[in-house]
Amino acid sequence: MENILWRSSSNRSIGGAGLGLTISQRIIRQHGGELIAENYPEGGAIMKGRLPLDTDYQCY
């Protein structure tokens, strides 16, 4: 997963620091989850974040 979270120099014109996916990955991992990258059939990528379900959590 770490290898896909980089921005090539050719994408620098888009703007931003390119940290969004890295930050997202760290937050999701800190909560016991995972960030998954897949190819989108029409081009590009699909990012999926999965978090474990805490069955002891109570919503008030």
N, C-alpha and C. Protein backbone atom coordinates (compact mmCIF):
# COMPACT_ATOMS: atom_id res chain seq x y z
N MET A 1 0.81 -1.19 0.00
CA MET A 1 0.00 0.00 0.00
C MET A 1 0.86 1.26 0.00
N GLU A 2 1.95 1.28 0.71
CA GLU A 2 2.76 2.49 0.81
C GLU A 2 3.25 2.97 -0.56
N ASN A 3 3.52 2.05 -1.48
CA ASN A 3 4.07 2.42 -2.78
C ASN A 3 3.10 3.19 -3.66
N ILE A 4 1.80 3.10 -3.41
CA ILE A 4 0.86 3.82 -4.27
C ILE A 4 0.61 5.24 -3.78
N LEU A 5 1.09 5.59 -2.59
CA LEU A 5 0.80 6.90 -2.03
C LEU A 5 1.92 7.89 -2.32
N TRP A 6 2.20 8.07 -3.58
CA TRP A 6 3.19 9.05 -4.00
C TRP A 6 2.62 9.84 -5.16
N ARG A 7 3.15 11.01 -5.37
CA ARG A 7 2.69 11.85 -6.47
C ARG A 7 3.86 12.06 -7.42
N SER A 8 3.64 11.75 -8.68
CA SER A 8 4.71 11.92 -9.65
C SER A 8 4.93 13.41 -9.90
N SER A 9 6.10 13.76 -10.36
CA SER A 9 6.42 15.16 -10.62
C SER A 9 5.53 15.73 -11.72
N SER A 10 5.00 14.88 -12.61
CA SER A 10 4.13 15.36 -13.68
C SER A 10 2.77 15.81 -13.16
N ASN A 11 2.40 15.40 -11.94
CA ASN A 11 1.12 15.79 -11.37
C ASN A 11 1.21 17.01 -10.47
N ARG A 12 2.36 17.61 -10.35
CA ARG A 12 2.53 18.77 -9.46
C ARG A 12 1.67 19.95 -9.91
N SER A 13 1.32 20.05 -11.16
CA SER A 13 0.51 21.17 -11.64
C SER A 13 -0.91 21.14 -11.11
N ILE A 14 -1.34 19.99 -10.58
CA ILE A 14 -2.70 19.85 -10.05
C ILE A 14 -2.85 20.66 -8.77
N GLY A 15 -1.82 20.79 -8.01
CA GLY A 15 -1.88 21.53 -6.76
C GLY A 15 -1.98 20.61 -5.57
N GLY A 16 -1.84 21.18 -4.39
CA GLY A 16 -1.90 20.39 -3.17
C GLY A 16 -0.54 19.78 -2.84
N ALA A 17 -0.47 19.24 -1.65
CA ALA A 17 0.79 18.65 -1.19
C ALA A 17 0.84 17.15 -1.45
N GLY A 18 -0.28 16.54 -1.83
CA GLY A 18 -0.31 15.10 -2.08
C GLY A 18 -0.32 14.27 -0.81
N LEU A 19 -0.80 14.84 0.29
CA LEU A 19 -0.76 14.13 1.56
C LEU A 19 -2.10 13.51 1.94
N GLY A 20 -3.14 13.77 1.20
CA GLY A 20 -4.48 13.30 1.57
C GLY A 20 -4.59 11.81 1.78
N LEU A 21 -4.07 11.01 0.87
CA LEU A 21 -4.16 9.56 1.01
C LEU A 21 -3.27 9.05 2.14
N THR A 22 -2.11 9.66 2.31
CA THR A 22 -1.21 9.24 3.39
C THR A 22 -1.85 9.53 4.75
N ILE A 23 -2.44 10.70 4.90
CA ILE A 23 -3.12 11.04 6.15
C ILE A 23 -4.30 10.11 6.38
N SER A 24 -5.09 9.88 5.34
CA SER A 24 -6.23 8.97 5.45
C SER A 24 -5.80 7.58 5.86
N GLN A 25 -4.75 7.09 5.25
CA GLN A 25 -4.24 5.75 5.57
C GLN A 25 -3.82 5.66 7.03
N ARG A 26 -3.14 6.66 7.53
CA ARG A 26 -2.69 6.63 8.92
C ARG A 26 -3.86 6.66 9.90
N ILE A 27 -4.84 7.49 9.62
CA ILE A 27 -6.02 7.56 10.50
C ILE A 27 -6.76 6.24 10.52
N ILE A 28 -6.98 5.68 9.33
CA ILE A 28 -7.71 4.41 9.23
C ILE A 28 -6.94 3.29 9.94
N ARG A 29 -5.62 3.23 9.76
CA ARG A 29 -4.81 2.19 10.43
C ARG A 29 -4.82 2.36 11.94
N GLN A 30 -4.83 3.61 12.43
CA GLN A 30 -4.86 3.85 13.87
C GLN A 30 -6.16 3.34 14.49
N HIS A 31 -7.18 3.20 13.68
CA HIS A 31 -8.47 2.68 14.15
C HIS A 31 -8.65 1.21 13.79
N GLY A 32 -7.56 0.55 13.41
CA GLY A 32 -7.60 -0.89 13.13
C GLY A 32 -8.12 -1.26 11.76
N GLY A 33 -8.18 -0.30 10.86
CA GLY A 33 -8.72 -0.56 9.52
C GLY A 33 -7.64 -0.61 8.46
N GLU A 34 -8.10 -0.54 7.22
CA GLU A 34 -7.17 -0.58 6.09
C GLU A 34 -7.71 0.30 4.96
N LEU A 35 -6.79 0.84 4.17
CA LEU A 35 -7.12 1.62 2.98
C LEU A 35 -6.74 0.78 1.78
N ILE A 36 -7.68 0.59 0.87
CA ILE A 36 -7.47 -0.30 -0.27
C ILE A 36 -7.58 0.52 -1.56
N ALA A 37 -6.64 0.30 -2.46
CA ALA A 37 -6.65 0.97 -3.76
C ALA A 37 -6.93 -0.07 -4.84
N GLU A 38 -7.83 0.30 -5.77
CA GLU A 38 -8.16 -0.57 -6.90
C GLU A 38 -8.18 0.26 -8.17
N ASN A 39 -7.93 -0.38 -9.29
CA ASN A 39 -8.05 0.29 -10.58
C ASN A 39 -9.51 0.49 -10.93
N TYR A 40 -9.84 1.67 -11.43
CA TYR A 40 -11.18 1.95 -11.92
C TYR A 40 -11.22 1.58 -13.39
N PRO A 41 -12.20 0.78 -13.82
CA PRO A 41 -12.21 0.29 -15.20
C PRO A 41 -12.13 1.38 -16.27
N GLU A 42 -12.74 2.53 -16.03
CA GLU A 42 -12.72 3.61 -17.02
C GLU A 42 -11.50 4.51 -16.89
N GLY A 43 -10.59 4.16 -16.00
CA GLY A 43 -9.39 4.95 -15.76
C GLY A 43 -9.41 5.55 -14.37
N GLY A 44 -8.25 5.74 -13.81
CA GLY A 44 -8.16 6.28 -12.46
C GLY A 44 -8.14 5.19 -11.42
N ALA A 45 -8.56 5.55 -10.21
CA ALA A 45 -8.49 4.60 -9.11
C ALA A 45 -9.71 4.74 -8.20
N ILE A 46 -9.96 3.69 -7.46
CA ILE A 46 -11.00 3.68 -6.43
C ILE A 46 -10.29 3.43 -5.11
N MET A 47 -10.53 4.28 -4.14
CA MET A 47 -9.96 4.11 -2.81
C MET A 47 -11.08 3.71 -1.86
N LYS A 48 -10.84 2.65 -1.09
CA LYS A 48 -11.83 2.17 -0.13
C LYS A 48 -11.21 2.13 1.25
N GLY A 49 -11.91 2.69 2.22
CA GLY A 49 -11.47 2.63 3.60
C GLY A 49 -12.35 1.66 4.36
N ARG A 50 -11.75 0.74 5.05
CA ARG A 50 -12.51 -0.24 5.83
C ARG A 50 -12.10 -0.11 7.29
N LEU A 51 -13.12 -0.04 8.16
CA LEU A 51 -12.90 0.05 9.59
C LEU A 51 -13.62 -1.11 10.26
N PRO A 52 -13.03 -1.65 11.34
CA PRO A 52 -13.70 -2.74 12.04
C PRO A 52 -14.95 -2.22 12.76
N LEU A 53 -15.94 -3.06 12.87
CA LEU A 53 -17.17 -2.72 13.57
C LEU A 53 -16.96 -3.00 15.05
N ASP A 54 -17.15 -1.99 15.87
CA ASP A 54 -17.04 -2.15 17.32
C ASP A 54 -18.41 -2.46 17.87
N THR A 55 -18.63 -3.71 18.22
CA THR A 55 -19.95 -4.14 18.68
C THR A 55 -20.26 -3.65 20.10
N ASP A 56 -19.22 -3.17 20.81
CA ASP A 56 -19.44 -2.65 22.16
C ASP A 56 -19.78 -1.16 22.18
N TYR A 57 -19.69 -0.51 21.03
CA TYR A 57 -19.94 0.93 20.94
C TYR A 57 -21.44 1.20 21.11
N GLN A 58 -21.74 2.20 21.93
CA GLN A 58 -23.15 2.57 22.14
C GLN A 58 -23.34 4.02 21.72
N CYS A 59 -24.29 4.27 20.89
CA CYS A 59 -24.62 5.60 20.45
C CYS A 59 -25.69 6.17 21.34
N TYR A 60 -25.45 7.35 21.90
CA TYR A 60 -26.42 7.97 22.80
C TYR A 60 -27.16 9.08 22.12
